[in-house]
Amino acid sequence: MSGSDTLDNGIVADTGIVIRHNPARVLARFFVAGREDVGPGDSRANMVIERVLALSAAEVDEAVEQVSRVFGPRHDHYDDMVERHAERLASRLNGAPPLSPTRRYLLGACFTAEVAVEAAALCNPSIVAHPDDPTAGTPSGSARFLLSVRGIAEGHRSSIGFREGTVTSDGKVSIDVPAPHLVAAHSGPARHHRASMHAHLADMGDDLENAAFVLDQLPEVFDNDALDRAIASLRADRATRRSPESTIAALRSFAASAYSTSFDPSTELTSRVLLPHAAQESHGMEDARFVRFDHDDGTSTHYATYTGWDGETTTQHLLQTDDFVHFDMSPMAGEAATGKGLALFPRMVGGRFAALSRSDRESNAVAFSDDLRAWPSSQVVQVPQRAWEVLQLGNCGSPIETDHGWLVLTHGVGPMRTYHLGAMLLDLDDPTRVLARSARPLLSPDADRRNGYVPNVVYSCGALVHGDVMVLPFGIGDQAIGFATASVDALLASLHPEA
């Protein structure tokens, strides 16, 4: 195996590769002075516009030359973006004389700001075989992979980015240099799922007559326009109904959490950044656990479960993509989808969707459902027992299918809130049955991995198996990302059978 250091019980080897956050990787976003302030009050858009209009032509020319020279090279299509931002101010320019191209350019630049999406940290890695042909352009026996990463920016706001790399048949890992410029996705219309809305309303105790009246009018998948029409019919019939407005508010709140985004297909994959759009994730998209899901008909879809954080509460969301260009985001409902750490199995089990859950906040559980977005209950399969996991347990991404069972990487939290990684093996046909588990940690935060944004944490959101090689990316102190490898056979042999 690659790497010079063997970790903990000798099963996992460190590759020596570390990816660190890079504050120079920036996005340019539309920015309105005053909107970032805390507390009541209007934005300062009109005052900024008035001051830009009052500048002399010479001041405008000088400012535009400087802005273009400094920021143009930092972004792809910077001039086009500034023009789009200026266009968004059209309603505030009614009655003003036509602007010169340079003044309009300066106005757009004044309503633009950079965001360093990795300013504070880079962590929570998840890994899948590359969605393009993983063997294309690689030496024989090697495979390409795609790594998702969580970038943490100013104010602890999180986004999802990507890296690419290669693993050889003997476990040598390499990471590509990412694209120099970042791009954000464009938002699009949401797609809602009727069963998910029923489940959400049931969680609130409101899946009653009013909800049925609205949702029974809709197909299984529908858009905002269809929802608006169904809600209008409920309002028209409100004289015969009790509290329709509370049901309408719940429907609209849940609907606002679903959206779609897309990138220009010509952009490089490692330039794409998924930023929060919905209110439920306004402070971040955390702990994305990507998995390639193989359907019974032979097709596949990439999903990721992730945690939305609005500054006060966490919610589980589902990301779906077929090409890593177009993404659909949906909220998840049900008791098993509360809290953090839902991770999908890579295929159906016994004719149903299956997932790892930690709905009680401390134990590993398995849930089943007929709907990827609604998880009504779960069954605990692993509780904290040993000192290194006494505070809580959780999963480290989707299960990996082996001939011997479902290999699940886990994390346990012990004294001093120290995280350790372990593993367990679940029965292929009945994953609520634990066959074996780690007696000792596979990986712990030693002296070289103890410090960081959050000390004493090693954490992963998913591993990849290539032949007998498992590639395990892991967060170091919620600050950087390391890579380890292990022999799958040796790892399985190290697990202690359950009595």
Foldseek 3Di string as FASTA:
>chain_A
DAADDAFDPRFWHFNPDWFFFDLLAKDKDFAFAPPPDPDDDDTCLLVVLVVLVPDDPVVLVVVLVVCCVPCVVSAPPVQVQLLVQLVVCVVSCPPPPDDDPSSSSVSSVVRMDMWRQQVAFKFFKAKDFDLPFQCPPHPPQKGKMKIWIWHATPPRAIWIFIWIWMAHNVGNIDTDDFDSYADEWDWDWFKDALVQLLQQCVVVVRNDDLSCQQSVQDDRIDTPVSSVVSLVVCVVVVVVDDPNVVVVVSSVLQNQQKIKTFDDVVDDRRRYMYGDDGLQQPRYWANWFWEWAQEPVGDIKIKTWTWGHNPPAIFIKMWTDSNSGMIIIHTAGAQQRGDDAWAWARYAAPQWTKIWGDSVVAFIWMFTDNDPRYTHDTGGQGGDDDQQAPVGKHWQHYWDDDPQATKTKMWGAHPPRAIFIWIWGAHRRDRSYTFWIAPDGSHWQDPVQADGPAGRDWGHHYWDDRPQKIWTWIGRNSHMITIMIGGNVVRVVNTGTDD
